Amino acid sequence: MITVTRLNGKTFSLNAIYIETVESFPDTTITLTNGKKYVVRESHEEVTANVETFYMRIALLGKVKAEEDEDGE
């Protein structure tokens, strides 16, 4: 889950696995795989960084593999 902020200032958590696109119109708009859209205060870069961090935390982006390579295993 990532935490984002609606334009009205309220924060909420979003399951990053279901994010299909992140666009700037100039407001950042997140579209989920079910077609639901959220407009958030965070920049496109912030959302992308948060999604990447989430993926690494749940081992979808190879963090575990990278750590294994450093250990020589």
C-alpha atoms as a PDB file:
ATOM      1  CA  MET A   1       0.000   0.000   0.000  1.00  0.00           C
ATOM      2  CA  ILE A   2       1.093   3.559  -0.674  1.00  0.00           C
ATOM      3  CA  THR A   3      -0.291   6.651   1.023  1.00  0.00           C
ATOM      4  CA  VAL A   4      -1.411   9.545  -1.164  1.00  0.00           C
ATOM      5  CA  THR A   5      -3.292  12.790  -0.574  1.00  0.00           C
ATOM      6  CA  ARG A   6      -6.507  13.893  -2.259  1.00  0.00           C
ATOM      7  CA  LEU A   7      -6.707  17.504  -3.439  1.00  0.00           C
ATOM      8  CA  ASN A   8      -8.905  18.278  -0.391  1.00  0.00           C
ATOM      9  CA  GLY A   9      -6.017  17.276   1.918  1.00  0.00           C
ATOM     10  CA  LYS A  10      -7.314  13.900   3.087  1.00  0.00           C
ATOM     11  CA  THR A  11      -4.840  11.053   2.921  1.00  0.00           C
ATOM     12  CA  PHE A  12      -5.679   7.488   1.988  1.00  0.00           C
ATOM     13  CA  SER A  13      -3.885   4.252   1.207  1.00  0.00           C
ATOM     14  CA  LEU A  14      -3.945   2.690  -2.212  1.00  0.00           C
ATOM     15  CA  ASN A  15      -2.864  -0.813  -3.189  1.00  0.00           C
ATOM     16  CA  ALA A  16      -0.058  -0.091  -5.652  1.00  0.00           C
ATOM     17  CA  ILE A  17      -0.418  -3.480  -7.311  1.00  0.00           C
ATOM     18  CA  TYR A  18      -3.624  -2.253  -8.953  1.00  0.00           C
ATOM     19  CA  ILE A  19      -2.119   0.939 -10.427  1.00  0.00           C
ATOM     20  CA  GLU A  20      -2.220   0.874 -14.209  1.00  0.00           C
ATOM     21  CA  THR A  21      -1.093   4.426 -15.036  1.00  0.00           C
ATOM     22  CA  VAL A  22       0.150   7.579 -13.339  1.00  0.00           C
ATOM     23  CA  GLU A  23      -0.276  10.763 -15.377  1.00  0.00           C
ATOM     24  CA  SER A  24       0.096  14.514 -14.875  1.00  0.00           C
ATOM     25  CA  PHE A  25      -2.624  16.724 -16.402  1.00  0.00           C
ATOM     26  CA  PRO A  26      -1.028  18.879 -14.551  1.00  0.00           C
ATOM     27  CA  ASP A  27      -2.637  17.293 -11.468  1.00  0.00           C
ATOM     28  CA  THR A  28      -1.356  13.793 -10.853  1.00  0.00           C
ATOM     29  CA  THR A  29      -4.000  11.235 -11.801  1.00  0.00           C
ATOM     30  CA  ILE A  30      -3.696   7.584 -10.809  1.00  0.00           C
ATOM     31  CA  THR A  31      -5.749   5.092 -12.821  1.00  0.00           C
ATOM     32  CA  LEU A  32      -6.341   1.625 -11.402  1.00  0.00           C
ATOM     33  CA  THR A  33      -6.779  -1.561 -13.395  1.00  0.00           C
ATOM     34  CA  ASN A  34     -10.548  -1.396 -12.741  1.00  0.00           C
ATOM     35  CA  GLY A  35     -10.737   2.063 -14.383  1.00  0.00           C
ATOM     36  CA  LYS A  36     -11.190   4.047 -11.143  1.00  0.00           C
ATOM     37  CA  LYS A  37      -9.221   7.308 -11.110  1.00  0.00           C
ATOM     38  CA  TYR A  38      -7.780   9.284  -8.234  1.00  0.00           C
ATOM     39  CA  VAL A  39      -6.415  12.833  -8.465  1.00  0.00           C
ATOM     40  CA  VAL A  40      -3.709  13.374  -5.847  1.00  0.00           C
ATOM     41  CA  ARG A  41      -1.449  16.158  -4.576  1.00  0.00           C
ATOM     42  CA  GLU A  42       1.765  14.145  -4.894  1.00  0.00           C
ATOM     43  CA  SER A  43       3.844  14.628  -8.030  1.00  0.00           C
ATOM     44  CA  HIS A  44       4.186  11.943 -10.679  1.00  0.00           C
ATOM     45  CA  GLU A  45       7.766  11.358  -9.465  1.00  0.00           C
ATOM     46  CA  GLU A  46       6.685  10.979  -5.818  1.00  0.00           C
ATOM     47  CA  VAL A  47       3.996   8.443  -6.701  1.00  0.00           C
ATOM     48  CA  THR A  48       6.407   6.487  -8.901  1.00  0.00           C
ATOM     49  CA  ALA A  49       9.054   6.443  -6.155  1.00  0.00           C
ATOM     50  CA  ASN A  50       6.488   5.287  -3.584  1.00  0.00           C
ATOM     51  CA  VAL A  51       5.298   2.502  -5.895  1.00  0.00           C
ATOM     52  CA  GLU A  52       8.884   1.353  -6.508  1.00  0.00           C
ATOM     53  CA  THR A  53       9.570   1.340  -2.758  1.00  0.00           C
ATOM     54  CA  PHE A  54       6.384  -0.670  -2.187  1.00  0.00           C
ATOM     55  CA  TYR A  55       7.359  -3.184  -4.874  1.00  0.00           C
ATOM     56  CA  MET A  56      10.822  -3.590  -3.323  1.00  0.00           C
ATOM     57  CA  ARG A  57       9.282  -4.023   0.128  1.00  0.00           C
ATOM     58  CA  ILE A  58       7.150  -6.913  -1.124  1.00  0.00           C
ATOM     59  CA  ALA A  59      10.009  -8.264  -3.283  1.00  0.00           C
ATOM     60  CA  LEU A  60       8.469  -7.561  -6.706  1.00  0.00           C
ATOM     61  CA  LEU A  61      11.395  -5.495  -8.013  1.00  0.00           C
ATOM     62  CA  GLY A  62      14.353  -7.711  -7.262  1.00  0.00           C
ATOM     63  CA  LYS A  63      15.572  -6.170  -4.014  1.00  0.00           C
ATOM     64  CA  VAL A  64      16.002  -9.671  -2.609  1.00  0.00           C
ATOM     65  CA  LYS A  65      17.949 -10.717  -5.732  1.00  0.00           C
ATOM     66  CA  ALA A  66      20.181  -7.621  -5.521  1.00  0.00           C
ATOM     67  CA  GLU A  67      20.939  -8.327  -1.864  1.00  0.00           C
ATOM     68  CA  GLU A  68      21.738 -11.969  -2.662  1.00  0.00           C
ATOM     69  CA  ASP A  69      24.155 -10.876  -5.397  1.00  0.00           C
ATOM     70  CA  GLU A  70      25.976  -8.588  -2.953  1.00  0.00           C
ATOM     71  CA  ASP A  71      26.322 -11.467  -0.472  1.00  0.00           C
ATOM     72  CA  GLY A  72      27.662 -13.747  -3.187  1.00  0.00           C
ATOM     73  CA  GLU A  73      24.868 -16.261  -2.798  1.00  0.00           C
END
